[in-house]
């Protein structure tokens, strides 16, 4: 009789341990999902706060931008746009409006704002047209036809001049 009670007690104990393990697993899985969804919501709220701050001082395009945080300025130091950037600055990219904003949340200031330029290397046939139309010290937006150049985007460095 005692053996029987010991076997039943052991089985009940095993069931209690199994149920507790499953309960703990479900609890932590729900916590993980809540944290994952909250971080996405937190990023959306932070992006909206940045856009609200920017919209008070400039007219923003009516599109959802991409927002990137600078975490290692040293990797960007050789690019002119990022010369004044510091870690923690935000890069707001409006692709359709072709606009890039460098924003510093710690001071609430716009550090720089430039048109978005896609670096597309010209085809061999297009290179002579670009040279004839564009001054050698200026780089033009490659998205416009060669016969109708856009306004100058940024001064090109001497090493970027077409040969």
N, C-alpha and C. Protein backbone atom coordinates (compact mmCIF):
# COMPACT_ATOMS: atom_id res chain seq x y z
N UNK A 1 0.81 -1.17 0.00
CA UNK A 1 0.00 0.00 0.00
C UNK A 1 0.87 1.27 0.00
N UNK A 2 1.94 1.20 0.80
CA UNK A 2 2.83 2.36 0.83
C UNK A 2 3.51 2.56 -0.51
N UNK A 3 3.89 1.48 -1.20
CA UNK A 3 4.50 1.60 -2.52
C UNK A 3 3.53 2.26 -3.49
N UNK A 4 2.28 1.90 -3.38
CA UNK A 4 1.27 2.44 -4.28
C UNK A 4 1.12 3.95 -4.04
N UNK A 5 1.10 4.39 -2.80
CA UNK A 5 0.99 5.81 -2.48
C UNK A 5 2.24 6.54 -2.97
N UNK A 6 3.40 5.93 -2.83
CA UNK A 6 4.65 6.52 -3.30
C UNK A 6 4.65 6.68 -4.81
N UNK A 7 4.14 5.72 -5.54
CA UNK A 7 4.08 5.80 -7.02
C UNK A 7 3.08 6.87 -7.43
N UNK A 8 1.93 6.91 -6.79
CA UNK A 8 0.91 7.92 -7.12
C UNK A 8 1.44 9.31 -6.76
N UNK A 9 2.08 9.45 -5.62
CA UNK A 9 2.66 10.74 -5.20
C UNK A 9 3.74 11.20 -6.18
N UNK A 10 4.56 10.26 -6.64
CA UNK A 10 5.61 10.60 -7.60
C UNK A 10 5.01 11.04 -8.93
N UNK A 11 3.95 10.38 -9.39
CA UNK A 11 3.29 10.73 -10.64
C UNK A 11 2.64 12.11 -10.53
N UNK A 12 2.00 12.38 -9.40
CA UNK A 12 1.38 13.70 -9.20
C UNK A 12 2.46 14.78 -9.17
N UNK A 13 3.55 14.53 -8.49
CA UNK A 13 4.65 15.49 -8.44
C UNK A 13 5.21 15.76 -9.83
N UNK A 14 5.37 14.69 -10.62
CA UNK A 14 5.86 14.84 -12.00
C UNK A 14 4.89 15.67 -12.83
N UNK A 15 3.59 15.45 -12.69
CA UNK A 15 2.59 16.24 -13.42
C UNK A 15 2.62 17.70 -12.99
N UNK A 16 2.79 17.97 -11.72
CA UNK A 16 2.86 19.34 -11.22
C UNK A 16 4.09 20.04 -11.80
N UNK A 17 5.22 19.36 -11.82
CA UNK A 17 6.45 19.95 -12.38
C UNK A 17 6.28 20.23 -13.87
N UNK A 18 5.68 19.28 -14.60
CA UNK A 18 5.45 19.47 -16.04
C UNK A 18 4.51 20.65 -16.29
N UNK A 19 3.44 20.75 -15.54
CA UNK A 19 2.49 21.85 -15.71
C UNK A 19 3.15 23.19 -15.39
N UNK A 20 3.94 23.22 -14.33
CA UNK A 20 4.64 24.45 -13.96
C UNK A 20 5.64 24.85 -15.05
N UNK A 21 6.34 23.90 -15.63
CA UNK A 21 7.30 24.20 -16.71
C UNK A 21 6.58 24.77 -17.92
N UNK A 22 5.47 24.17 -18.29
CA UNK A 22 4.70 24.68 -19.43
C UNK A 22 4.18 26.08 -19.14
N UNK A 23 3.67 26.30 -17.94
CA UNK A 23 3.17 27.62 -17.55
C UNK A 23 4.25 28.68 -17.59
N UNK A 24 5.42 28.35 -17.09
CA UNK A 24 6.55 29.30 -17.11
C UNK A 24 6.97 29.59 -18.55
N UNK A 25 7.01 28.57 -19.39
CA UNK A 25 7.37 28.75 -20.79
C UNK A 25 6.40 29.67 -21.52
N UNK A 26 5.10 29.47 -21.29
CA UNK A 26 4.08 30.32 -21.91
C UNK A 26 4.21 31.75 -21.41
N UNK A 27 4.45 31.94 -20.13
CA UNK A 27 4.61 33.28 -19.56
C UNK A 27 5.78 34.03 -20.22
N UNK A 28 6.93 33.39 -20.29
CA UNK A 28 8.10 34.05 -20.88
C UNK A 28 7.95 34.27 -22.38
N UNK A 29 7.25 33.39 -23.07
CA UNK A 29 7.00 33.58 -24.49
C UNK A 29 6.12 34.81 -24.70
N UNK A 30 5.10 34.98 -23.89
CA UNK A 30 4.23 36.16 -23.99
C UNK A 30 5.01 37.43 -23.66
N UNK A 31 5.87 37.39 -22.67
CA UNK A 31 6.69 38.54 -22.32
C UNK A 31 7.61 38.92 -23.49
N UNK A 32 8.20 37.91 -24.12
CA UNK A 32 9.08 38.15 -25.27
C UNK A 32 8.31 38.83 -26.39
N UNK A 33 7.13 38.33 -26.70
CA UNK A 33 6.32 38.91 -27.78
C UNK A 33 5.91 40.34 -27.45
N UNK A 34 5.57 40.61 -26.20
CA UNK A 34 5.16 41.94 -25.80
C UNK A 34 6.34 42.91 -25.91
N UNK A 35 7.51 42.49 -25.50
CA UNK A 35 8.69 43.35 -25.60
C UNK A 35 9.03 43.61 -27.06
N UNK A 36 8.95 42.59 -27.90
CA UNK A 36 9.26 42.75 -29.32
C UNK A 36 8.28 43.73 -29.96
N UNK A 37 7.01 43.63 -29.65
CA UNK A 37 6.03 44.55 -30.24
C UNK A 37 6.18 45.94 -29.65
N UNK A 38 6.54 46.05 -28.39
CA UNK A 38 6.72 47.35 -27.76
C UNK A 38 7.92 48.09 -28.33
N UNK A 39 9.00 47.37 -28.68
CA UNK A 39 10.16 48.05 -29.24
C UNK A 39 9.83 48.61 -30.62
N UNK A 40 9.02 47.89 -31.38
CA UNK A 40 8.59 48.41 -32.68
C UNK A 40 7.72 49.64 -32.47
N UNK A 41 6.81 49.58 -31.51
CA UNK A 41 5.96 50.73 -31.20
C UNK A 41 6.79 51.89 -30.69
N UNK A 42 7.79 51.60 -29.88
CA UNK A 42 8.66 52.65 -29.34
C UNK A 42 9.41 53.36 -30.45
N UNK A 43 9.90 52.59 -31.44
CA UNK A 43 10.59 53.20 -32.58
C UNK A 43 9.64 54.07 -33.38
N UNK A 44 8.40 53.61 -33.57
CA UNK A 44 7.41 54.40 -34.31
C UNK A 44 7.09 55.69 -33.57
N UNK A 45 6.96 55.62 -32.25
CA UNK A 45 6.68 56.81 -31.45
C UNK A 45 7.85 57.78 -31.52
N UNK A 46 9.07 57.26 -31.43
CA UNK A 46 10.25 58.11 -31.50
C UNK A 46 10.35 58.78 -32.87
N UNK A 47 10.08 58.04 -33.93
CA UNK A 47 10.10 58.60 -35.28
C UNK A 47 9.07 59.71 -35.40
N UNK A 48 7.87 59.48 -34.88
CA UNK A 48 6.81 60.48 -34.94
C UNK A 48 7.18 61.73 -34.16
N UNK A 49 7.85 61.56 -33.02
CA UNK A 49 8.29 62.71 -32.23
C UNK A 49 9.31 63.54 -33.00
N UNK A 50 10.22 62.87 -33.69
CA UNK A 50 11.22 63.57 -34.50
C UNK A 50 10.54 64.33 -35.63
N UNK A 51 9.59 63.68 -36.31
CA UNK A 51 8.89 64.33 -37.41
C UNK A 51 8.07 65.52 -36.92
N UNK A 52 7.46 65.39 -35.74
CA UNK A 52 6.71 66.51 -35.17
C UNK A 52 7.63 67.69 -34.89
N UNK A 53 8.81 67.41 -34.33
CA UNK A 53 9.76 68.48 -34.04
C UNK A 53 10.24 69.15 -35.33
N UNK A 54 10.51 68.36 -36.35
CA UNK A 54 10.97 68.92 -37.62
C UNK A 54 9.88 69.70 -38.33
N UNK A 55 8.64 69.22 -38.23
CA UNK A 55 7.55 69.88 -38.96
C UNK A 55 7.23 71.25 -38.36
N UNK A 56 7.69 71.53 -37.15
CA UNK A 56 7.50 72.86 -36.57
C UNK A 56 8.41 73.90 -37.22
N UNK A 57 9.53 73.46 -37.81
CA UNK A 57 10.47 74.44 -38.37
C UNK A 57 10.59 74.38 -39.89
N UNK A 58 10.23 73.25 -40.50
CA UNK A 58 10.28 73.15 -41.96
C UNK A 58 9.07 72.37 -42.47
N UNK A 59 8.77 72.57 -43.73
CA UNK A 59 7.70 71.82 -44.39
C UNK A 59 8.26 70.47 -44.81
N UNK A 60 7.67 69.39 -44.28
CA UNK A 60 8.14 68.05 -44.59
C UNK A 60 7.33 67.44 -45.73
N UNK A 61 7.96 66.59 -46.54
CA UNK A 61 7.21 65.88 -47.58
C UNK A 61 6.15 64.98 -46.96
N UNK A 62 5.11 64.71 -47.70
CA UNK A 62 4.01 63.87 -47.23
C UNK A 62 4.27 62.42 -47.58
N UNK A 63 5.24 61.83 -46.92
CA UNK A 63 5.57 60.42 -47.10
C UNK A 63 6.21 59.92 -45.82
N UNK A 64 6.23 58.62 -45.66
CA UNK A 64 6.84 58.04 -44.47
C UNK A 64 8.35 57.90 -44.72
N UNK A 65 9.16 58.57 -43.91
CA UNK A 65 10.61 58.52 -44.14
C UNK A 65 11.25 57.29 -43.49
N UNK A 66 12.48 57.04 -43.91
CA UNK A 66 13.33 56.07 -43.23
C UNK A 66 14.16 56.87 -42.23
N UNK A 67 14.26 56.37 -41.01
CA UNK A 67 15.04 57.06 -39.98
C UNK A 67 16.15 56.13 -39.51
N UNK A 68 17.37 56.63 -39.56
CA UNK A 68 18.54 55.84 -39.17
C UNK A 68 19.30 56.62 -38.10
N UNK A 69 19.79 55.92 -37.10
CA UNK A 69 20.59 56.54 -36.04
C UNK A 69 22.06 56.29 -36.30
N UNK A 70 22.85 57.34 -36.20
CA UNK A 70 24.29 57.20 -36.37
C UNK A 70 24.85 56.61 -35.09
N UNK A 71 25.49 55.46 -35.20
CA UNK A 71 26.06 54.81 -34.02
C UNK A 71 27.58 54.81 -34.03
N UNK A 72 28.20 54.96 -35.22
CA UNK A 72 29.66 54.99 -35.31
C UNK A 72 30.07 56.05 -36.33
N UNK A 73 30.27 57.25 -35.86
CA UNK A 73 30.61 58.37 -36.73
C UNK A 73 31.91 58.14 -37.49
N UNK A 74 32.83 57.41 -36.91
CA UNK A 74 34.13 57.18 -37.52
C UNK A 74 34.01 56.51 -38.89
N UNK A 75 33.01 55.68 -39.07
CA UNK A 75 32.83 55.02 -40.37
C UNK A 75 32.34 55.99 -41.44
N UNK A 76 31.79 57.12 -41.04
CA UNK A 76 31.20 58.07 -41.98
C UNK A 76 32.04 59.33 -42.16
N UNK A 77 33.14 59.46 -41.47
CA UNK A 77 33.89 60.71 -41.44
C UNK A 77 34.44 61.14 -42.79
N UNK A 78 34.63 60.24 -43.75
CA UNK A 78 35.18 60.63 -45.04
C UNK A 78 34.11 61.12 -46.01
N UNK A 79 32.84 61.17 -45.59
CA UNK A 79 31.76 61.66 -46.43
C UNK A 79 31.39 63.07 -45.99
N UNK A 80 31.37 64.03 -46.91
CA UNK A 80 31.16 65.43 -46.53
C UNK A 80 29.86 65.69 -45.75
N UNK A 81 28.79 65.02 -46.09
CA UNK A 81 27.51 65.24 -45.42
C UNK A 81 27.60 64.95 -43.92
N UNK A 82 28.46 64.02 -43.53
CA UNK A 82 28.54 63.59 -42.14
C UNK A 82 29.67 64.25 -41.36
N UNK A 83 30.29 65.29 -41.88
CA UNK A 83 31.41 65.93 -41.19
C UNK A 83 31.01 66.51 -39.84
N UNK A 84 29.79 67.04 -39.72
CA UNK A 84 29.33 67.63 -38.46
C UNK A 84 28.53 66.65 -37.62
N UNK A 85 28.37 65.43 -38.07
CA UNK A 85 27.54 64.45 -37.36
C UNK A 85 28.24 63.94 -36.12
N UNK A 86 27.43 63.56 -35.14
CA UNK A 86 27.93 62.91 -33.93
C UNK A 86 27.08 61.66 -33.70
N UNK A 87 27.60 60.75 -32.89
CA UNK A 87 26.84 59.55 -32.57
C UNK A 87 25.53 59.95 -31.90
N UNK A 88 24.45 59.33 -32.32
CA UNK A 88 23.13 59.64 -31.79
C UNK A 88 22.31 60.53 -32.71
N UNK A 89 22.96 61.17 -33.68
CA UNK A 89 22.21 61.97 -34.66
C UNK A 89 21.32 61.06 -35.49
N UNK A 90 20.27 61.64 -36.04
CA UNK A 90 19.31 60.89 -36.86
C UNK A 90 19.43 61.34 -38.31
N UNK A 91 19.38 60.37 -39.20
CA UNK A 91 19.35 60.65 -40.63
C UNK A 91 17.93 60.33 -41.07
N UNK A 92 17.22 61.33 -41.58
CA UNK A 92 15.85 61.15 -42.04
C UNK A 92 15.88 61.21 -43.55
N UNK A 93 15.44 60.13 -44.20
CA UNK A 93 15.52 60.01 -45.64
C UNK A 93 14.11 59.96 -46.23
N UNK A 94 13.79 60.95 -47.06
CA UNK A 94 12.54 60.98 -47.80
C UNK A 94 12.87 60.58 -49.23
N UNK A 95 12.61 59.33 -49.60
CA UNK A 95 13.05 58.83 -50.90
C UNK A 95 12.27 59.44 -52.06
N UNK A 96 10.96 59.54 -51.94
CA UNK A 96 10.17 60.09 -53.05
C UNK A 96 10.46 61.57 -53.26
N UNK A 97 10.61 62.32 -52.19
CA UNK A 97 10.91 63.75 -52.29
C UNK A 97 12.39 64.00 -52.52
N UNK A 98 13.19 62.95 -52.42
CA UNK A 98 14.64 63.01 -52.64
C UNK A 98 15.30 64.04 -51.73
N UNK A 99 15.06 63.90 -50.43
CA UNK A 99 15.59 64.82 -49.44
C UNK A 99 16.17 64.03 -48.28
N UNK A 100 17.32 64.47 -47.76
CA UNK A 100 17.96 63.84 -46.60
C UNK A 100 18.21 64.93 -45.56
N UNK A 101 17.83 64.62 -44.32
CA UNK A 101 18.00 65.58 -43.22
C UNK A 101 18.86 64.93 -42.14
N UNK A 102 19.86 65.67 -41.68
CA UNK A 102 20.68 65.25 -40.55
C UNK A 102 20.18 66.05 -39.35
N UNK A 103 19.62 65.34 -38.36
CA UNK A 103 18.95 65.98 -37.22
C UNK A 103 19.61 65.54 -35.92
N UNK A 104 19.82 66.47 -35.01
CA UNK A 104 20.42 66.17 -33.72
C UNK A 104 19.34 66.30 -32.64
N UNK A 105 18.79 65.15 -32.16
CA UNK A 105 17.73 65.20 -31.16
C UNK A 105 18.16 65.83 -29.83
N UNK A 106 19.42 65.71 -29.48
CA UNK A 106 19.87 66.24 -28.18
C UNK A 106 19.76 67.75 -28.10
N UNK A 107 19.89 68.44 -29.25
CA UNK A 107 19.76 69.89 -29.26
C UNK A 107 18.51 70.36 -29.98
N UNK A 108 17.84 69.44 -30.69
CA UNK A 108 16.65 69.80 -31.44
C UNK A 108 16.96 70.60 -32.69
N UNK A 109 18.18 70.46 -33.23
CA UNK A 109 18.59 71.25 -34.38
C UNK A 109 18.76 70.39 -35.63
N UNK A 110 18.46 71.02 -36.76
CA UNK A 110 18.77 70.40 -38.06
C UNK A 110 20.21 70.76 -38.36
N UNK A 111 21.06 69.76 -38.51
CA UNK A 111 22.48 70.00 -38.74
C UNK A 111 22.75 70.24 -40.21
N UNK A 112 22.08 69.48 -41.07
CA UNK A 112 22.27 69.63 -42.51
C UNK A 112 21.05 69.06 -43.23
N UNK A 113 20.82 69.55 -44.44
CA UNK A 113 19.72 69.06 -45.25
C UNK A 113 20.16 69.18 -46.71
N UNK A 114 20.12 68.06 -47.43
CA UNK A 114 20.58 68.05 -48.81
C UNK A 114 19.63 67.22 -49.67
N UNK A 115 19.67 67.45 -50.99
CA UNK A 115 18.91 66.58 -51.89
C UNK A 115 19.53 65.19 -51.91
N UNK A 116 18.71 64.19 -52.08
CA UNK A 116 19.17 62.81 -52.16
C UNK A 116 19.71 62.56 -53.56
N UNK A 117 20.95 62.13 -53.65
CA UNK A 117 21.60 61.88 -54.93
C UNK A 117 21.99 60.42 -54.99
N UNK A 118 21.59 59.76 -56.05
CA UNK A 118 21.98 58.37 -56.25
C UNK A 118 23.21 58.37 -57.14
N UNK A 119 24.29 57.77 -56.68
CA UNK A 119 25.50 57.68 -57.48
C UNK A 119 25.36 56.56 -58.48
N UNK A 120 25.15 56.95 -59.72
CA UNK A 120 25.02 55.99 -60.81
C UNK A 120 26.15 56.28 -61.77
N UNK A 121 26.96 55.27 -62.04
CA UNK A 121 28.05 55.49 -62.97
C UNK A 121 27.48 55.54 -64.38
N UNK A 122 27.87 56.54 -65.18
CA UNK A 122 27.32 56.67 -66.52
C UNK A 122 27.80 55.56 -67.44
N UNK A 123 26.95 55.23 -68.40
CA UNK A 123 27.34 54.25 -69.41
C UNK A 123 28.33 54.91 -70.35
N UNK A 124 29.14 54.15 -71.07
CA UNK A 124 30.14 54.76 -71.97
C UNK A 124 29.51 55.71 -72.99
N UNK A 125 28.29 55.43 -73.47
CA UNK A 125 27.65 56.31 -74.44
C UNK A 125 27.19 57.61 -73.79
N UNK A 126 26.78 57.55 -72.53
CA UNK A 126 26.24 58.73 -71.85
C UNK A 126 27.33 59.65 -71.33
N UNK A 127 28.53 59.17 -71.15
CA UNK A 127 29.61 59.98 -70.57
C UNK A 127 29.91 61.23 -71.39
N UNK A 128 30.04 61.16 -72.72
CA UNK A 128 30.32 62.39 -73.46
C UNK A 128 29.20 63.41 -73.32
N UNK A 129 27.92 62.98 -73.31
CA UNK A 129 26.82 63.92 -73.16
C UNK A 129 26.91 64.63 -71.83
N UNK A 130 27.22 63.91 -70.77
CA UNK A 130 27.32 64.50 -69.44
C UNK A 130 28.45 65.52 -69.41
N UNK A 131 29.56 65.21 -70.05
CA UNK A 131 30.69 66.13 -70.05
C UNK A 131 30.36 67.40 -70.82
N UNK A 132 29.62 67.30 -71.91
CA UNK A 132 29.31 68.48 -72.72
C UNK A 132 28.33 69.41 -71.99
N UNK A 133 27.41 68.85 -71.25
CA UNK A 133 26.37 69.66 -70.63
C UNK A 133 26.79 70.15 -69.25
N UNK A 134 27.35 69.28 -68.45
CA UNK A 134 27.67 69.63 -67.06
C UNK A 134 29.03 70.30 -66.96
N UNK A 135 29.11 71.38 -66.19
CA UNK A 135 30.44 71.94 -65.91
C UNK A 135 31.27 70.90 -65.18
N UNK A 136 32.55 70.90 -65.39
CA UNK A 136 33.40 69.86 -64.82
C UNK A 136 33.49 69.92 -63.30
N UNK A 137 33.17 71.05 -62.70
CA UNK A 137 33.28 71.12 -61.24
C UNK A 137 31.95 70.88 -60.53
N UNK A 138 30.90 70.49 -61.26
CA UNK A 138 29.60 70.24 -60.66
C UNK A 138 29.11 68.85 -61.03
N UNK A 139 28.37 68.23 -60.10
CA UNK A 139 27.78 66.93 -60.36
C UNK A 139 26.28 67.15 -60.47
N UNK A 140 25.64 66.54 -61.47
CA UNK A 140 24.22 66.71 -61.67
C UNK A 140 23.47 65.46 -61.28
N UNK A 141 22.20 65.64 -61.00
CA UNK A 141 21.32 64.55 -60.62
C UNK A 141 21.23 63.56 -61.78
N UNK A 142 21.65 62.30 -61.59
CA UNK A 142 21.65 61.35 -62.69
C UNK A 142 20.26 60.86 -63.08
N UNK A 143 19.23 61.20 -62.32
CA UNK A 143 17.89 60.74 -62.64
C UNK A 143 17.22 61.55 -63.74
N UNK A 144 17.78 62.70 -64.13
CA UNK A 144 17.17 63.51 -65.17
C UNK A 144 17.86 63.23 -66.50
N UNK A 145 17.15 63.40 -67.62
CA UNK A 145 17.78 63.17 -68.92
C UNK A 145 18.96 64.10 -69.13
N UNK A 146 19.92 63.67 -69.91
CA UNK A 146 21.14 64.45 -70.14
C UNK A 146 20.83 65.76 -70.85
N UNK A 147 19.79 65.80 -71.68
CA UNK A 147 19.44 67.02 -72.40
C UNK A 147 18.81 68.05 -71.48
N UNK A 148 18.26 67.64 -70.36
CA UNK A 148 17.62 68.54 -69.42
C UNK A 148 18.25 68.37 -68.04
N UNK A 149 19.43 68.92 -67.79
CA UNK A 149 20.07 68.70 -66.49
C UNK A 149 19.29 69.39 -65.38
N UNK A 150 19.34 68.78 -64.22
CA UNK A 150 18.72 69.40 -63.05
C UNK A 150 19.65 70.47 -62.53
N UNK A 151 19.20 71.18 -61.52
CA UNK A 151 20.07 72.18 -60.93
C UNK A 151 21.26 71.47 -60.27
N UNK A 152 22.38 72.15 -60.10
CA UNK A 152 23.53 71.49 -59.46
C UNK A 152 23.17 71.00 -58.07
N UNK A 153 23.63 69.81 -57.75
CA UNK A 153 23.36 69.22 -56.45
C UNK A 153 24.44 69.61 -55.46
N UNK A 154 25.64 69.19 -55.70
CA UNK A 154 26.77 69.50 -54.82
C UNK A 154 28.01 69.66 -55.66
N UNK A 155 28.91 70.51 -55.23
CA UNK A 155 30.18 70.59 -55.95
C UNK A 155 30.89 69.25 -55.89
N UNK A 156 31.36 68.83 -57.02
CA UNK A 156 32.07 67.57 -57.08
C UNK A 156 33.52 67.79 -56.69
N UNK A 157 34.11 66.80 -56.07
CA UNK A 157 35.52 66.90 -55.74
C UNK A 157 36.31 66.70 -57.02
N UNK A 158 37.54 67.21 -57.10
CA UNK A 158 38.35 67.05 -58.32
C UNK A 158 38.51 65.60 -58.73
N UNK A 159 38.50 64.67 -57.77
CA UNK A 159 38.65 63.26 -58.10
C UNK A 159 37.39 62.68 -58.70
N UNK A 160 36.23 63.35 -58.54
CA UNK A 160 34.96 62.85 -59.08
C UNK A 160 34.66 63.41 -60.45
N UNK A 161 35.55 64.26 -61.02
CA UNK A 161 35.31 64.84 -62.31
C UNK A 161 35.41 63.76 -63.38
N UNK A 162 34.46 63.72 -64.36
CA UNK A 162 34.53 62.71 -65.41
C UNK A 162 35.79 62.89 -66.24
N UNK A 163 36.34 61.79 -66.68
CA UNK A 163 37.57 61.88 -67.48
C UNK A 163 37.29 61.78 -68.94
